[in-house]
Protein backbone atom coordinates (compact mmCIF):
# COMPACT_ATOMS: atom_id res chain seq x y z
CA LYS A 1 -0.05 0.11 -0.13
CA TYR A 2 2.80 2.39 0.85
CA THR A 3 4.71 1.82 -2.44
CA ALA A 4 1.47 2.20 -4.34
CA ALA A 5 0.69 5.46 -2.58
CA LYS A 6 4.00 6.80 -3.85
CA ASN A 7 3.52 5.49 -7.46
CA ALA A 8 6.40 3.12 -7.15
CA PHE A 9 6.80 0.00 -9.20
CA PHE A 10 6.89 -2.91 -6.61
CA ILE A 11 8.37 -6.19 -7.64
CA GLU A 12 9.04 -9.29 -5.60
CA THR A 13 10.88 -12.56 -6.50
CA THR A 14 11.65 -15.50 -4.36
CA ALA A 15 14.53 -17.71 -5.21
CA THR A 16 14.44 -21.56 -4.91
CA GLN A 17 17.31 -23.88 -4.92
CA GLU A 18 16.65 -24.80 -8.67
CA TRP A 19 17.47 -21.09 -9.50
CA ALA A 20 21.01 -21.71 -8.81
CA ASN A 21 21.26 -23.64 -12.01
CA LYS A 22 19.71 -21.17 -14.24
CA PRO A 23 21.68 -18.20 -15.28
CA TYR A 24 20.14 -14.82 -14.38
CA TRP A 25 16.85 -16.37 -13.30
CA PRO A 26 16.06 -13.62 -10.48
CA ILE A 27 16.81 -10.90 -12.93
CA ILE A 28 14.78 -12.54 -15.77
CA GLU A 29 11.91 -13.28 -13.20
CA SER A 30 12.00 -9.61 -12.07
CA ILE A 31 11.82 -8.28 -15.66
CA ASP A 32 8.72 -10.43 -16.36
CA LYS A 33 7.14 -9.08 -13.60
CA LEU A 34 8.04 -5.49 -14.16
CA PHE A 35 6.41 -5.91 -17.77
CA ASN A 36 3.36 -7.43 -16.36
CA PHE A 37 3.30 -4.46 -13.92
CA ILE A 38 3.71 -1.97 -16.65
CA SER A 39 1.27 -3.78 -18.76
CA LYS A 40 -1.50 -2.55 -16.54
CA LEU A 41 -0.67 1.02 -17.08
CA PRO A 42 -2.46 3.23 -19.49
CA GLU A 43 -1.26 2.57 -22.98
CA ASP A 44 0.45 5.98 -23.58
CA ARG A 45 2.32 5.61 -20.43
CA GLN A 46 3.54 2.37 -21.43
CA GLN A 47 4.82 3.55 -24.55
CA GLU A 48 6.45 6.54 -22.73
CA ILE A 49 8.45 4.28 -20.42
CA TYR A 50 9.67 1.92 -22.99
CA GLN A 51 10.77 4.78 -25.36
CA GLU A 52 12.77 6.40 -22.37
CA VAL A 53 14.18 2.86 -21.85
CA ARG A 54 15.06 2.40 -25.29
CA GLU A 55 16.76 5.72 -25.75
CA ARG A 56 18.82 4.89 -22.51
CA LEU A 57 19.97 1.67 -23.70
CA GLY A 58 20.90 2.68 -27.25
CA ALA A 59 21.76 0.22 -30.10
CA ASP A 60 23.85 -1.89 -27.56
CA GLY A 61 20.74 -2.57 -25.78
CA ILE A 62 20.21 -5.44 -28.06
CA ILE A 63 22.56 -7.60 -25.96
CA LEU A 64 19.94 -7.97 -23.30
CA SER A 65 17.58 -9.84 -25.68
CA LYS A 66 20.15 -12.65 -25.89
CA VAL A 67 19.66 -13.82 -22.21
CA ILE A 68 16.18 -12.01 -21.54
CA PRO A 69 13.96 -12.72 -24.49
CA ARG A 70 11.06 -10.43 -23.13
CA LEU A 71 13.25 -7.55 -23.58
CA SER A 72 13.37 -8.04 -27.55
CA THR A 73 10.12 -6.14 -27.56
CA ILE A 74 12.10 -3.11 -26.61
CA VAL A 75 15.56 -3.57 -27.68
CA GLY A 76 15.07 -5.78 -30.73
CA GLU A 77 15.94 -9.45 -31.41
CA PHE A 78 19.61 -10.35 -30.72
CA ASP A 79 21.76 -10.37 -33.69
CA ALA A 80 24.99 -12.57 -33.45
CA ASN A 81 26.50 -10.45 -36.41
CA TYR A 82 26.02 -7.12 -34.40
CA LYS A 83 29.40 -5.31 -33.46
CA PHE A 84 29.32 -4.17 -29.87
CA SER A 85 31.28 -1.21 -28.70
CA GLN A 86 32.89 -3.23 -25.85
CA ASN A 87 33.21 -6.82 -24.65
CA GLU A 88 29.76 -8.55 -24.54
CA ASP A 89 30.01 -9.65 -20.77
CA ASP A 90 30.69 -6.09 -19.92
CA ILE A 91 28.11 -4.48 -22.14
CA PHE A 92 25.56 -6.82 -20.79
CA PHE A 93 26.00 -5.61 -17.31
CA GLU A 94 26.02 -2.11 -18.25
CA LYS A 95 22.83 -2.28 -20.28
CA LEU A 96 21.14 -4.37 -17.67
CA LYS A 97 21.96 -1.51 -15.07
CA ASP A 98 20.74 0.96 -17.41
CA PHE A 99 17.53 -0.76 -18.01
CA TYR A 100 16.70 -0.87 -14.27
CA ILE A 101 17.77 2.77 -13.80
CA GLY A 102 15.96 3.88 -16.75
CA LEU A 103 12.75 2.60 -15.20
CA ALA A 104 13.10 4.27 -12.03
CA SER A 105 12.39 7.99 -11.52
CA SER A 106 11.47 10.37 -8.67
CA ASN A 107 7.83 9.90 -9.86
CA ASN A 108 7.83 6.33 -10.31
CA PRO A 109 10.41 4.76 -7.96
CA LEU A 110 11.43 1.15 -8.37
CA VAL A 111 11.30 -1.25 -5.41
CA LEU A 112 13.06 -4.55 -5.92
CA MET A 113 12.63 -7.34 -3.47
CA PHE A 114 14.53 -10.45 -3.75
CA ASP A 115 13.90 -13.07 -1.33
CA ASP A 116 16.27 -16.02 -0.42
CA ILE A 117 19.26 -14.76 -2.55
CA HIS A 118 21.50 -17.47 -1.01
CA ASN A 119 19.79 -19.48 -3.82
CA TRP A 120 20.98 -17.22 -6.71
CA ASP A 121 23.30 -18.20 -9.43
CA GLN A 122 26.91 -16.99 -9.76
CA GLY A 123 25.85 -14.60 -12.71
CA SER A 124 23.11 -12.89 -10.59
CA VAL A 125 25.59 -12.48 -7.78
CA GLN A 126 28.10 -10.90 -9.95
CA PHE A 127 25.55 -8.48 -11.51
CA PHE A 128 24.26 -7.05 -8.24
CA THR A 129 27.78 -6.94 -6.75
CA TYR A 130 28.45 -4.53 -9.87
CA PHE A 131 24.98 -2.86 -9.76
CA MET A 132 24.91 -1.95 -6.11
CA ASP A 133 27.29 1.01 -6.71
CA TYR A 134 24.88 2.56 -9.09
CA VAL A 135 21.82 2.22 -6.85
CA TYR A 136 22.71 4.82 -4.23
CA ASP A 137 22.29 7.76 -6.93
CA SER A 138 19.12 6.62 -8.23
CA SER A 139 15.33 5.96 -7.48
CA ILE A 140 15.72 2.58 -6.77
CA TYR A 141 15.26 0.68 -3.38
CA ILE A 142 16.24 -2.88 -2.98
CA VAL A 143 15.47 -5.36 -0.17
CA LEU A 144 17.63 -8.62 -0.32
CA SER A 145 16.94 -11.59 2.19
CA MET A 146 18.89 -14.54 2.88
CA ARG A 147 19.46 -17.23 5.56
CA GLU A 148 22.52 -16.32 7.59
CA ASP A 149 23.73 -19.97 7.49
CA GLU A 150 23.72 -20.02 3.84
CA THR A 151 25.59 -16.92 3.13
CA MET A 152 28.69 -18.69 1.96
CA LYS A 153 26.85 -19.54 -1.17
CA VAL A 154 26.74 -15.88 -2.10
CA GLN A 155 29.83 -14.72 -0.04
CA GLU A 156 31.04 -12.15 -2.68
CA LEU A 157 27.71 -10.30 -2.40
CA TYR A 158 27.24 -10.99 1.26
CA ASP A 159 30.91 -9.47 2.05
CA LEU A 160 29.95 -6.36 -0.01
CA ILE A 161 26.59 -6.02 1.82
CA VAL A 162 28.40 -6.12 5.18
CA GLN A 163 31.04 -3.48 3.94
CA SER A 164 28.33 -1.20 2.74
CA ALA A 165 26.60 -1.46 6.16
CA LYS A 166 29.74 -0.49 7.90
CA GLU A 167 30.08 2.51 5.69
CA GLY A 168 26.48 3.42 6.51
CA ARG A 169 25.21 2.94 2.92
CA ILE A 170 22.75 0.25 3.57
CA GLY A 171 20.99 -1.09 6.41
CA ILE A 172 20.87 -4.70 7.75
CA ILE A 173 18.02 -6.08 9.69
CA ASN A 174 18.73 -9.48 11.61
CA LEU A 175 15.42 -11.37 12.10
CA GLN A 176 15.30 -14.09 14.69
CA ASN A 177 12.89 -17.26 14.62
CA LEU A 178 9.48 -16.60 16.15
CA ASN A 179 8.34 -18.56 18.84
CA TYR A 180 5.07 -20.39 19.07
CA ASP A 181 3.09 -17.61 20.75
CA GLU A 182 4.22 -15.01 18.33
CA VAL A 183 3.46 -17.11 15.30
CA ASP A 184 -0.03 -17.90 17.03
CA GLU A 185 -0.55 -14.14 17.70
CA LEU A 186 0.66 -13.23 14.00
CA THR A 187 -1.86 -15.67 12.44
CA LEU A 188 -4.71 -14.45 14.65
CA GLY A 189 -3.93 -10.84 13.43
CA ILE A 190 -3.83 -11.91 9.89
CA PHE A 191 -7.08 -13.92 9.82
CA GLY A 192 -8.61 -11.25 12.11
CA ASN A 193 -7.79 -8.58 9.32
CA ILE A 194 -9.23 -11.00 6.61
CA TYR A 195 -12.42 -11.58 8.33
CA ASN A 196 -13.21 -8.04 9.75
């Protein structure tokens, strides 16, 4: 409700263990959900958003459709003969970063919630390690959750999160297990709201 009141795009994904074997799956999933979200906006607003993103990405944005077919509607079909301005791996991260930042604005902030990131594939971890430096000056708010006993699976990203927290750039919230009474009270509160 809060994000809707701020005209924010709110996207939530949860990673499962199977995701670890699917390159960039949390990113692909978040982009699919973004498209679904945008498709509910008025047609003229949709076209305005897509045009802004298209201009931001430029011709090299075509690299994104190689990994994320849904983006071919904006950047065009991937062409193996296209000559990129730099290494394909580098340009992919750069254009993926530009895509997210291009969607976010002070009028329409972007909130990305990624649950269970300890199940991420290595490519997604590397992208977000790169991406975090650009988030601070954008209208993007990211929430990541992971199990503390599984952090070694995404050690590179976890270390960056901890270091950024020490520098005061991000916040970390440690959640403890809920006891039976708390779960019972929470459940009653939820069902109470449903039935009232």
